[in-house]
Amino acid sequence: MQILEFDTVVIGSGLAGLSAAYHSSKFGRVAIVTKSQLDVSNSYYAQGGIAAAISEDDSPEQHAHDTLVTGRGICDHDAVEVLVNEGRERVKELIDLGMQFDEENNDYVLGLEGGHTKRRILHAGGDATGKELTCFKLRLIREQKNVEAFEYVAVVKLLQNNNSIVGVQAYDFKTNKNIIFKTKAVIVATGGLSRVFARSTNPHTATGDGIVLTYDAGARMADLEFIQFHPSALYIPGKEAYLISEAVRGEGAWLLNHEGERFMKDIHPLAELAPRDVVAYSIFRQIQKSGKDHIFLSLKHLEKEKIRDRFKNIDRHLREFGFDLTEDQLPISPAAHYMVGGVRTNLDAETNISGLFVCGEAASTGVMGANRLASNSLLECLVFGKRASVKAAKLATSEQFFDEPDPIILDEENEQLFLTYQNEMATMMSKNLGIVRNKKDLETALNRFLEIEAEFAGNLNEYNLIKIRNTALICKLIATAALVREESRGGHIREDFQKENPDFKTHIIQQKNKNIEFEPIRK
């Protein structure tokens, strides 16, 4: 096998990975390893923006308050304090480096989104903030001569010695060869897992790779039962879910049922701008009540030119489907969007395994709680991407001894088998672990995931078969946590336990070969 050596290996090329790589480049040689292209990530497709308390009538304290309220009692307070205070500094740092956010009359245009009590959402390129941010970071990284990118290379295993990271094993899709990356520090920034659901706003790369890699290595998982369903994804039968940014509702869009009623006004004081878990659940109930597959999003009452100018990309994309953003009632329904839990880390993005760091959506830093506040995700990438890189640089270099792993192969004849199992599990995840859950459905799903995992257990060396087993493992972990949490809170709603239970104001921790643990919320 080819063996390469780096001071830091970053897995993933979304905003968290790019931020970690950029800051790590100040301390040594860095490899960015991504199974697709550098610019394919959830971050790249983020429309909404990045939240930061930069206006004079706002404060980090108010931002923290909104984050904690939306997190429904599960946020770790110390992590939230880090996010809102350092987040503001990271945004200012980006601006100083040349990042251009949208301005009007020499002031930043600040948007409003669900759960926020102040306008604090910065945008770039209107509704293309994720693209502008990641492209800006990519330009910064390409200027660093000590950063090397490996595209179409999938990490398949973390290599350890005495509970410390010593490297990773990867498969190169271009050469069909295995590569060993020797390193003292691995920063996992692989994004989310919402593609394990049949209906998702995420790109096809969001399959939870970081969860499997770190779980198999012995890392602790937290709060995997909390899945955020975005309320407003375009609904067209037979088509992929297309996200219509929450910022659209921030500018005044209405949610209407099939009777033409603005139902959110009677449900929450913030109406259409209630936290996402409330809005998604309310839409789900309207869909159930009507027997239809969707409700409507309407902007007909808003100033047309202003809306078209603010949401250029959304407007253009909707026209491709035959819709006019400013004239038509847009059919929408919720879709799996964001993994709220993840790999448990401390405030430096460090796991319980020496040399293993996780940041971005893959991590459970403690800032998201039971439900993420809109536009906090990109901010978390900036804050904890830097923290991970700084802490990783302080690790002492040790002898990197390890047994050479068996090589991974790719047999295209197994691809159809993978797709068959993937579709079965995705359908079951959407049906049994969607917005509303119950014990019977959860147990049915869990038993099937256990069957598939057992069928593909053992030392697999074929990539498609490994992916089947990995998907089953991810689905099993989500279902297990969802069964244990016998309450409704944030992105986890049980119709058989419809209220919050104070006994579950805790993190649910899963770790390989260990019983489930309950970890107190940090103040």
Protein backbone atom coordinates (compact mmCIF):
# COMPACT_ATOMS: atom_id res chain seq x y z
CA MET A 1 0.00 0.00 0.00
CA GLN A 2 1.06 3.56 -0.61
CA ILE A 3 1.99 5.27 2.67
CA LEU A 4 1.87 9.05 3.07
CA GLU A 5 2.71 11.11 6.16
CA PHE A 6 1.03 14.33 7.36
CA ASP A 7 0.87 16.23 10.63
CA THR A 8 -2.93 16.45 10.39
CA VAL A 9 -5.45 14.57 8.26
CA VAL A 10 -8.84 16.24 7.76
CA ILE A 11 -11.66 14.00 6.53
CA GLY A 12 -14.32 15.99 4.69
CA SER A 13 -14.38 19.24 2.75
CA GLY A 14 -17.40 21.14 4.02
CA LEU A 15 -16.95 24.38 5.95
CA ALA A 16 -15.84 22.56 9.13
CA GLY A 17 -13.19 20.56 7.28
CA LEU A 18 -11.96 23.54 5.28
CA SER A 19 -11.78 25.69 8.43
CA ALA A 20 -9.87 22.97 10.27
CA ALA A 21 -7.48 22.50 7.33
CA TYR A 22 -6.84 26.23 6.97
CA HIS A 23 -5.95 26.71 10.63
CA SER A 24 -4.01 23.42 10.78
CA SER A 25 -1.85 24.62 7.88
CA LYS A 26 -0.22 27.10 10.27
CA PHE A 27 1.21 24.21 12.26
CA GLY A 28 2.36 21.64 9.67
CA ARG A 29 1.48 19.54 6.64
CA VAL A 30 -2.22 18.85 6.13
CA ALA A 31 -4.14 16.34 4.00
CA ILE A 32 -7.80 16.94 3.11
CA VAL A 33 -9.39 13.62 2.19
CA THR A 34 -12.85 13.66 0.62
CA LYS A 35 -14.83 10.91 -1.10
CA SER A 36 -16.20 13.35 -3.67
CA GLN A 37 -15.05 16.73 -4.97
CA LEU A 38 -13.83 19.42 -2.61
CA ASP A 39 -16.92 21.54 -3.23
CA VAL A 40 -19.57 18.86 -2.60
CA SER A 41 -20.92 19.19 0.94
CA ASN A 42 -23.94 20.25 2.99
CA SER A 43 -22.11 23.52 3.67
CA TYR A 44 -21.85 24.28 -0.05
CA TYR A 45 -25.62 23.97 -0.49
CA ALA A 46 -26.55 25.97 2.62
CA GLN A 47 -28.92 28.76 1.55
CA GLY A 48 -29.85 30.43 4.81
CA GLY A 49 -26.73 32.09 6.14
CA ILE A 50 -24.54 32.30 9.21
CA ALA A 51 -25.77 33.61 12.57
CA ALA A 52 -23.64 36.10 14.50
CA ALA A 53 -24.51 38.85 16.97
CA ILE A 54 -22.76 41.71 15.19
CA SER A 55 -25.42 44.43 15.19
CA GLU A 56 -25.54 47.14 17.86
CA ASP A 57 -28.96 46.06 19.17
CA ASP A 58 -27.87 42.42 19.50
CA SER A 59 -25.49 40.61 21.83
CA PRO A 60 -23.87 37.19 22.33
CA GLU A 61 -26.04 36.86 25.44
CA GLN A 62 -29.22 37.22 23.36
CA HIS A 63 -27.87 34.81 20.75
CA ALA A 64 -27.11 32.32 23.53
CA HIS A 65 -30.61 32.73 24.93
CA ASP A 66 -32.21 31.94 21.56
CA THR A 67 -29.91 28.93 21.09
CA LEU A 68 -30.77 27.52 24.53
CA VAL A 69 -34.52 28.04 24.09
CA THR A 70 -34.49 26.26 20.73
CA GLY A 71 -32.30 23.45 22.13
CA ARG A 72 -35.07 22.51 24.58
CA GLY A 73 -32.90 21.94 27.65
CA ILE A 74 -30.27 19.67 26.05
CA CYS A 75 -27.65 22.30 25.09
CA ASP A 76 -24.43 22.35 27.11
CA HIS A 77 -24.24 25.95 28.33
CA ASP A 78 -20.44 26.21 28.22
CA ALA A 79 -20.40 25.11 24.56
CA VAL A 80 -23.09 27.65 23.67
CA GLU A 81 -21.05 30.42 25.32
CA VAL A 82 -18.04 29.43 23.22
CA LEU A 83 -20.15 29.38 20.05
CA VAL A 84 -21.79 32.80 20.38
CA ASN A 85 -18.69 34.64 21.61
CA GLU A 86 -15.99 33.07 19.47
CA GLY A 87 -18.42 32.82 16.57
CA ARG A 88 -18.64 36.57 16.35
CA GLU A 89 -14.83 36.75 16.32
CA ARG A 90 -14.54 34.08 13.62
CA VAL A 91 -16.98 35.98 11.39
CA LYS A 92 -15.04 39.22 11.87
CA GLU A 93 -11.84 37.29 11.10
CA LEU A 94 -13.38 36.10 7.81
CA ILE A 95 -14.37 39.65 6.91
CA ASP A 96 -10.82 40.86 7.63
CA LEU A 97 -9.52 38.13 5.29
CA GLY A 98 -11.75 39.47 2.51
CA MET A 99 -15.02 37.52 2.78
CA GLN A 100 -17.82 39.69 1.41
CA PHE A 101 -21.23 39.42 3.01
CA ASP A 102 -24.24 41.17 1.50
CA GLU A 103 -24.48 44.89 2.26
CA GLU A 104 -26.99 47.67 1.70
CA ASN A 105 -26.08 51.34 2.27
CA ASN A 106 -22.75 50.25 3.81
CA ASP A 107 -24.48 48.10 6.44
CA TYR A 108 -24.67 44.33 6.48
CA VAL A 109 -28.04 42.93 5.46
CA LEU A 110 -29.12 40.87 8.46
CA GLY A 111 -31.87 38.29 8.00
CA LEU A 112 -34.33 36.78 10.45
CA GLU A 113 -34.97 33.04 10.75
CA GLY A 114 -36.93 30.67 12.96
CA GLY A 115 -36.16 30.87 16.69
CA HIS A 116 -34.15 34.10 16.45
CA THR A 117 -35.44 37.17 18.30
CA LYS A 118 -33.08 39.52 16.43
CA ARG A 119 -31.99 39.96 12.82
CA ARG A 120 -28.52 38.39 12.93
CA ILE A 121 -28.22 36.17 9.84
CA LEU A 122 -25.43 37.23 7.49
CA HIS A 123 -25.78 36.23 3.84
CA ALA A 124 -23.49 36.17 0.85
CA GLY A 125 -24.78 36.11 -2.71
CA GLY A 126 -28.34 36.35 -1.42
CA ASP A 127 -29.33 32.71 -0.93
CA ALA A 128 -25.90 31.23 -1.79
CA THR A 129 -24.11 31.77 1.53
CA GLY A 130 -22.82 28.21 1.84
CA LYS A 131 -21.39 28.26 -1.67
CA GLU A 132 -19.74 31.66 -1.19
CA LEU A 133 -18.27 30.72 2.19
CA THR A 134 -16.87 27.36 1.13
CA CYS A 135 -15.47 28.78 -2.10
CA PHE A 136 -13.81 31.58 -0.12
CA LYS A 137 -12.25 29.06 2.27
CA LEU A 138 -11.13 26.92 -0.67
CA ARG A 139 -9.33 29.90 -2.16
CA LEU A 140 -7.55 30.51 1.14
CA ILE A 141 -6.53 26.86 1.36
CA ARG A 142 -5.22 26.71 -2.19
CA GLU A 143 -2.81 29.48 -1.24
CA GLN A 144 -1.30 27.24 1.47
CA LYS A 145 1.48 25.17 -0.07
CA ASN A 146 1.50 22.68 2.81
CA VAL A 147 -2.12 21.55 2.26
CA GLU A 148 -2.73 18.66 -0.15
CA ALA A 149 -6.20 17.59 -1.26
CA PHE A 150 -7.18 14.02 -2.10
CA GLU A 151 -10.47 13.99 -3.99
CA TYR A 152 -12.51 10.83 -4.65
CA VAL A 153 -10.69 9.11 -1.80
CA ALA A 154 -12.85 7.47 0.91
CA VAL A 155 -11.52 6.82 4.40
CA VAL A 156 -12.58 3.33 5.44
CA LYS A 157 -10.80 2.87 8.78
CA LEU A 158 -9.12 4.80 11.58
CA LEU A 159 -5.81 3.23 12.62
CA GLN A 160 -4.90 3.17 16.32
CA ASN A 161 -2.15 2.16 18.71
CA ASN A 162 -2.80 2.14 22.48
CA ASN A 163 -6.05 4.12 22.09
CA SER A 164 -4.27 6.81 20.10
CA ILE A 165 -4.76 7.68 16.45
CA VAL A 166 -1.77 6.86 14.23
CA GLY A 167 -3.37 7.09 10.79
CA VAL A 168 -6.22 6.24 8.45
CA GLN A 169 -6.79 3.71 5.69
CA ALA A 170 -8.45 5.02 2.53
CA TYR A 171 -9.57 3.79 -0.87
CA ASP A 172 -8.82 5.84 -3.99
CA PHE A 173 -11.68 5.55 -6.51
CA LYS A 174 -9.50 6.95 -9.31
CA THR A 175 -6.66 4.43 -9.02
CA ASN A 176 -8.55 1.61 -7.24
CA LYS A 177 -5.70 1.46 -4.73
CA ASN A 178 -5.50 1.69 -0.95
CA ILE A 179 -3.62 4.52 0.76
CA ILE A 180 -2.36 4.72 4.33
CA PHE A 181 -2.13 8.23 5.78
CA LYS A 182 0.16 8.25 8.83
CA THR A 183 -0.57 11.11 11.22
CA LYS A 184 -0.73 12.14 14.87
CA ALA A 185 -4.13 13.84 14.47
CA VAL A 186 -7.31 13.14 12.50
CA ILE A 187 -10.07 15.76 12.29
CA VAL A 188 -13.34 14.18 11.17
CA ALA A 189 -15.59 16.69 9.40
CA THR A 190 -17.71 14.36 7.30
CA GLY A 191 -21.04 16.13 7.76
CA GLY A 192 -24.40 14.56 8.45
CA LEU A 193 -26.38 11.41 7.73
CA SER A 194 -29.74 12.59 6.45
CA ARG A 195 -29.33 10.58 3.25
CA VAL A 196 -30.21 7.48 5.25
CA PHE A 197 -33.79 8.82 4.95
CA ALA A 198 -35.75 8.45 1.72
CA ARG A 199 -36.62 12.16 1.57
CA SER A 200 -33.72 14.48 2.38
CA THR A 201 -32.39 17.92 1.47
CA ASN A 202 -28.78 16.68 1.66
CA PRO A 203 -26.37 15.76 -1.16
CA HIS A 204 -25.75 12.06 -1.76
CA THR A 205 -22.49 12.25 0.21
CA ALA A 206 -24.29 12.79 3.56
CA THR A 207 -24.33 9.16 4.64
CA GLY A 208 -22.91 9.33 8.17
CA ASP A 209 -19.41 8.07 7.35
CA GLY A 210 -17.88 9.89 10.32
CA ILE A 211 -20.31 8.25 12.73
CA VAL A 212 -19.30 4.76 11.61
CA LEU A 213 -15.56 5.45 11.46
CA THR A 214 -15.44 6.90 14.95
CA TYR A 215 -17.92 4.44 16.51
CA ASP A 216 -15.92 1.48 15.22
CA ALA A 217 -12.80 3.10 16.71
CA GLY A 218 -14.45 3.34 20.14
CA ALA A 219 -15.62 6.96 20.20
CA ARG A 220 -18.75 7.98 22.10
CA MET A 221 -21.96 8.98 20.24
CA ALA A 222 -24.46 11.43 21.73
CA ASP A 223 -28.10 12.29 21.04
CA LEU A 224 -28.43 10.50 17.69
CA GLU A 225 -32.20 10.32 18.11
CA PHE A 226 -32.51 14.05 17.35
CA ILE A 227 -32.96 14.55 13.61
CA GLN A 228 -33.97 17.95 12.29
CA PHE A 229 -36.52 17.87 9.49
CA HIS A 230 -36.50 21.07 7.46
CA PRO A 231 -40.10 22.32 7.24
CA SER A 232 -40.02 23.70 3.71
CA ALA A 233 -38.68 21.34 1.07
CA LEU A 234 -40.36 21.47 -2.34
CA TYR A 235 -42.66 18.49 -2.86
CA ILE A 236 -42.89 17.09 -6.39
CA PRO A 237 -43.70 13.35 -6.64
CA GLY A 238 -40.74 11.40 -8.03
CA LYS A 239 -38.31 14.32 -7.62
CA GLU A 240 -35.57 15.03 -5.09
CA ALA A 241 -36.52 17.29 -2.17
CA TYR A 242 -35.35 20.82 -2.93
CA LEU A 243 -34.75 23.02 0.11
CA ILE A 244 -36.52 26.38 0.19
CA SER A 245 -34.57 28.39 2.74
CA GLU A 246 -36.04 29.37 6.08
CA ALA A 247 -34.91 32.90 5.20
CA VAL A 248 -37.91 33.00 2.84
CA ARG A 249 -40.18 32.79 5.87
CA GLY A 250 -37.93 35.31 7.58
CA GLU A 251 -38.88 37.78 4.87
CA GLY A 252 -42.59 37.17 5.47
CA ALA A 253 -43.66 34.03 3.56
CA TRP A 254 -46.78 32.26 4.83
CA LEU A 255 -47.49 28.59 5.43
CA LEU A 256 -50.99 27.72 4.22
CA ASN A 257 -53.04 24.54 4.55
CA HIS A 258 -55.37 23.26 1.84
CA GLU A 259 -58.14 25.54 3.16
CA GLY A 260 -55.86 28.54 2.62
CA GLU A 261 -55.43 29.11 6.39
CA ARG A 262 -52.26 30.40 8.08
CA PHE A 263 -52.33 27.65 10.70
CA MET A 264 -49.04 28.60 12.46
CA LYS A 265 -50.57 31.81 13.87
CA ASP A 266 -52.66 29.73 16.28
CA ILE A 267 -49.81 27.39 17.26
CA HIS A 268 -46.83 29.57 18.24
CA PRO A 269 -46.31 33.30 18.98
CA LEU A 270 -43.59 33.44 16.30
CA ALA A 271 -45.98 31.83 13.76
CA GLU A 272 -44.00 30.79 10.64
CA LEU A 273 -40.75 31.68 12.45
CA ALA A 274 -41.21 29.24 15.33
CA PRO A 275 -38.29 26.82 15.86
CA ARG A 276 -37.97 24.19 13.14
CA ASP A 277 -39.14 21.25 15.26
CA VAL A 278 -42.41 23.07 16.00
CA VAL A 279 -42.99 24.09 12.38
CA ALA A 280 -42.10 20.68 10.91
CA TYR A 281 -44.38 18.87 13.37
CA SER A 282 -47.22 21.31 12.70
CA ILE A 283 -46.89 20.77 8.95
CA PHE A 284 -46.86 17.00 9.52
CA ARG A 285 -50.16 17.27 11.43
CA GLN A 286 -51.72 19.38 8.66
CA ILE A 287 -50.65 16.79 6.09
CA GLN A 288 -52.18 14.02 8.22
CA LYS A 289 -55.39 15.96 8.66
CA SER A 290 -55.81 16.74 4.95
CA GLY A 291 -54.79 13.35 3.61
CA LYS A 292 -52.57 15.17 1.09
CA ASP A 293 -48.81 14.87 0.71
CA HIS A 294 -47.99 18.55 1.20
CA ILE A 295 -49.08 22.01 2.29
CA PHE A 296 -48.23 25.36 0.62
CA LEU A 297 -45.69 28.13 0.98
CA SER A 298 -46.90 31.50 -0.31
CA LEU A 299 -45.06 34.75 -1.06
CA LYS A 300 -47.80 36.26 -3.22
CA HIS A 301 -48.40 39.06 -0.70
CA LEU A 302 -44.74 40.22 -0.69
CA GLU A 303 -42.90 42.74 -2.88
CA LYS A 304 -42.00 40.74 -5.97
CA GLU A 305 -38.78 42.44 -7.11
CA LYS A 306 -37.34 42.47 -3.61
CA ILE A 307 -38.02 38.73 -3.23
CA ARG A 308 -36.59 37.84 -6.65
CA ASP A 309 -33.46 39.88 -5.91
CA ARG A 310 -33.00 38.40 -2.42
CA PHE A 311 -33.54 34.78 -3.49
CA LYS A 312 -32.05 34.65 -6.98
CA ASN A 313 -30.94 30.99 -6.84
CA ILE A 314 -34.18 29.70 -5.35
CA ASP A 315 -36.18 31.70 -7.89
CA ARG A 316 -34.13 30.31 -10.77
CA HIS A 317 -34.35 26.74 -9.51
CA LEU A 318 -38.12 26.90 -8.98
CA ARG A 319 -38.60 28.21 -12.53
CA GLU A 320 -36.91 25.02 -13.77
CA PHE A 321 -39.75 23.13 -12.07
CA GLY A 322 -42.36 25.46 -13.55
CA PHE A 323 -43.03 27.53 -10.43
CA ASP A 324 -42.90 31.29 -9.90
CA LEU A 325 -41.56 32.08 -6.41
CA THR A 326 -43.61 35.29 -6.18
CA GLU A 327 -46.85 34.15 -7.79
CA ASP A 328 -47.48 30.48 -7.09
CA GLN A 329 -48.45 28.55 -4.01
CA LEU A 330 -45.45 26.25 -3.63
CA PRO A 331 -46.12 22.64 -2.56
CA ILE A 332 -43.84 21.77 0.37
CA SER A 333 -43.38 19.08 3.00
CA PRO A 334 -40.65 18.44 5.59
CA ALA A 335 -37.51 16.49 4.68
CA ALA A 336 -34.61 15.10 6.75
CA HIS A 337 -32.08 17.90 6.92
CA TYR A 338 -29.63 17.84 9.83
CA MET A 339 -28.12 15.44 12.37
CA VAL A 340 -28.46 17.28 15.67
CA GLY A 341 -26.44 14.77 17.70
CA GLY A 342 -23.16 13.19 16.65
CA VAL A 343 -19.75 12.15 17.92
CA ARG A 344 -19.34 13.42 21.48
CA THR A 345 -16.54 15.96 21.89
CA ASN A 346 -15.22 18.40 24.47
CA LEU A 347 -14.87 22.14 23.91
CA ASP A 348 -11.76 21.57 21.81
CA ALA A 349 -13.62 19.18 19.46
CA GLU A 350 -11.65 16.30 20.98
CA THR A 351 -13.13 12.83 21.46
CA ASN A 352 -12.32 10.22 24.09
CA ILE A 353 -9.63 8.83 21.73
CA SER A 354 -6.29 10.64 21.73
CA GLY A 355 -5.64 12.35 18.41
CA LEU A 356 -9.23 12.05 17.17
CA PHE A 357 -11.19 15.27 16.71
CA VAL A 358 -14.64 15.87 15.22
CA CYS A 359 -16.22 19.16 14.15
CA GLY A 360 -19.20 20.42 12.18
CA GLU A 361 -22.40 18.44 11.75
CA ALA A 362 -20.66 15.13 12.52
CA ALA A 363 -19.91 16.34 16.06
CA SER A 364 -21.98 16.65 19.20
CA THR A 365 -20.20 19.61 20.76
CA GLY A 366 -23.15 20.40 23.00
CA VAL A 367 -24.30 23.56 21.22
CA MET A 368 -27.32 22.17 19.33
CA GLY A 369 -29.27 20.48 22.12
CA ALA A 370 -32.44 18.72 20.98
CA ASN A 371 -32.99 21.05 18.02
CA ARG A 372 -30.56 23.30 16.13
CA LEU A 373 -31.21 27.03 15.95
CA ALA A 374 -31.31 28.08 12.29
CA SER A 375 -27.95 29.21 10.81
CA ASN A 376 -25.92 28.16 13.85
CA SER A 377 -24.45 25.25 11.89
CA LEU A 378 -22.05 27.24 9.70
CA LEU A 379 -20.99 29.19 12.79
CA GLU A 380 -20.23 25.95 14.64
CA CYS A 381 -18.03 24.87 11.71
CA LEU A 382 -15.91 28.02 12.00
CA VAL A 383 -15.59 27.96 15.78
CA PHE A 384 -14.85 24.30 16.41
CA GLY A 385 -12.89 23.80 13.19
CA LYS A 386 -10.35 26.28 14.54
CA ARG A 387 -10.43 24.85 18.07
CA ALA A 388 -9.79 21.34 16.73
CA SER A 389 -6.79 22.46 14.70
CA VAL A 390 -5.20 24.41 17.55
CA LYS A 391 -5.55 21.49 20.01
CA ALA A 392 -4.39 18.95 17.41
CA ALA A 393 -1.21 20.97 16.82
CA LYS A 394 -0.28 20.62 20.49
CA LEU A 395 -0.20 16.82 20.35
CA ALA A 396 3.24 15.33 20.69
CA THR A 397 4.40 13.21 17.77
CA SER A 398 4.72 9.57 18.80
CA GLU A 399 5.88 6.40 17.07
CA GLN A 400 3.15 5.43 14.66
CA PHE A 401 3.24 1.64 14.82
CA PHE A 402 0.28 -0.33 13.46
CA ASP A 403 -0.47 -3.59 11.74
CA GLU A 404 -1.05 -3.05 8.04
CA PRO A 405 -4.80 -3.53 7.43
CA ASP A 406 -6.27 -5.78 4.76
CA PRO A 407 -6.81 -3.88 1.52
CA ILE A 408 -10.30 -2.77 0.46
CA ILE A 409 -11.54 -3.63 -3.03
CA LEU A 410 -14.43 -2.34 -5.13
CA ASP A 411 -16.61 -4.87 -6.96
CA GLU A 412 -19.15 -3.09 -9.14
CA GLU A 413 -21.27 -6.25 -9.26
CA ASN A 414 -22.25 -5.55 -5.64
CA GLU A 415 -23.47 -2.02 -6.37
CA GLN A 416 -27.04 -3.09 -7.15
CA LEU A 417 -27.14 -5.15 -3.95
CA PHE A 418 -26.10 -2.06 -1.98
CA LEU A 419 -28.77 0.07 -3.67
CA THR A 420 -31.44 -2.52 -2.88
CA TYR A 421 -30.56 -2.54 0.83
CA GLN A 422 -30.05 1.22 0.89
CA ASN A 423 -33.53 1.85 -0.52
CA GLU A 424 -35.11 -0.59 1.92
CA MET A 425 -33.44 1.05 4.92
CA ALA A 426 -34.15 4.59 3.69
CA THR A 427 -37.83 3.78 3.25
CA MET A 428 -37.96 2.27 6.73
CA MET A 429 -36.17 5.27 8.26
CA SER A 430 -38.67 7.69 6.74
CA LYS A 431 -41.68 5.54 7.66
CA ASN A 432 -40.65 4.38 11.14
CA LEU A 433 -38.23 7.09 12.31
CA GLY A 434 -39.67 10.17 10.64
CA ILE A 435 -41.06 13.25 12.37
CA VAL A 436 -43.40 11.23 14.63
CA ARG A 437 -42.35 7.89 16.16
CA ASN A 438 -43.75 5.16 18.40
CA LYS A 439 -42.46 2.07 20.17
CA LYS A 440 -43.95 -0.48 17.77
CA ASP A 441 -42.51 1.18 14.63
CA LEU A 442 -39.14 1.75 16.29
CA GLU A 443 -38.84 -1.88 17.39
CA THR A 444 -39.83 -3.13 13.92
CA ALA A 445 -37.18 -0.96 12.31
CA LEU A 446 -34.51 -1.77 14.88
CA ASN A 447 -35.01 -5.52 14.45
CA ARG A 448 -34.60 -5.21 10.69
CA PHE A 449 -31.47 -3.08 11.02
CA LEU A 450 -30.00 -5.65 13.42
CA GLU A 451 -30.74 -8.42 10.90
CA ILE A 452 -28.98 -6.57 8.08
CA GLU A 453 -26.03 -5.66 10.28
CA ALA A 454 -25.63 -9.31 11.32
CA GLU A 455 -25.91 -10.47 7.70
CA PHE A 456 -22.95 -8.28 6.75
CA ALA A 457 -20.89 -8.67 9.93
CA GLY A 458 -17.29 -9.85 9.94
CA ASN A 459 -14.17 -8.63 8.22
CA LEU A 460 -15.62 -7.31 4.98
CA ASN A 461 -13.17 -6.04 2.39
CA GLU A 462 -15.54 -5.01 -0.44
CA TYR A 463 -16.62 -1.38 -0.42
CA ASN A 464 -20.32 -1.87 -1.32
CA LEU A 465 -20.79 -4.58 1.30
CA ILE A 466 -19.10 -2.37 3.89
CA LYS A 467 -21.52 0.43 2.99
CA ILE A 468 -24.52 -1.88 3.57
CA ARG A 469 -23.22 -2.80 7.01
CA ASN A 470 -22.37 0.82 7.83
CA THR A 471 -25.82 2.10 6.86
CA ALA A 472 -27.45 -0.59 8.99
CA LEU A 473 -25.22 0.39 11.92
CA ILE A 474 -26.11 4.08 11.63
CA CYS A 475 -29.84 3.32 11.41
CA LYS A 476 -29.55 0.95 14.38
CA LEU A 477 -27.87 3.61 16.54
CA ILE A 478 -30.57 6.19 15.73
CA ALA A 479 -33.39 3.70 16.41
CA THR A 480 -31.81 2.52 19.67
CA ALA A 481 -31.54 6.05 21.06
CA ALA A 482 -35.06 6.88 19.86
CA LEU A 483 -36.45 3.86 21.72
CA VAL A 484 -34.64 4.79 24.92
CA ARG A 485 -35.84 8.42 24.93
CA GLU A 486 -39.44 7.94 26.10
CA GLU A 487 -40.52 11.55 25.70
CA SER A 488 -41.04 14.18 22.98
CA ARG A 489 -38.38 16.87 22.80
CA GLY A 490 -36.98 18.90 19.89
CA GLY A 491 -36.19 16.74 16.88
CA HIS A 492 -37.56 13.58 18.51
CA ILE A 493 -41.33 13.22 18.82
CA ARG A 494 -42.99 10.09 20.28
CA GLU A 495 -46.75 9.82 19.84
CA ASP A 496 -46.75 7.35 22.77
CA PHE A 497 -44.85 9.83 25.01
CA GLN A 498 -46.12 13.21 23.88
CA LYS A 499 -44.61 15.49 26.53
CA GLU A 500 -41.13 16.39 27.72
CA ASN A 501 -40.01 14.30 30.69
CA PRO A 502 -37.55 16.04 33.07
CA ASP A 503 -35.91 12.65 33.71
CA PHE A 504 -34.68 12.76 30.10
CA LYS A 505 -33.05 16.18 30.37
CA THR A 506 -29.78 14.40 29.64
CA HIS A 507 -27.53 13.23 26.82
CA ILE A 508 -27.96 9.63 25.65
CA ILE A 509 -24.50 8.16 25.01
CA GLN A 510 -23.76 5.08 22.89
CA GLN A 511 -20.35 3.43 22.63
CA LYS A 512 -19.23 0.19 20.99
CA ASN A 513 -19.48 -2.87 23.28
CA LYS A 514 -20.85 -0.78 26.17
CA ASN A 515 -24.26 -0.21 27.70
CA ILE A 516 -26.10 3.05 27.05
CA GLU A 517 -25.08 5.84 29.42
CA PHE A 518 -26.78 9.07 30.46
CA GLU A 519 -24.56 12.14 30.64
CA PRO A 520 -25.65 15.28 32.53
CA ILE A 521 -26.05 18.59 30.70
CA ARG A 522 -23.03 20.83 31.27
CA LYS A 523 -23.73 24.29 32.70
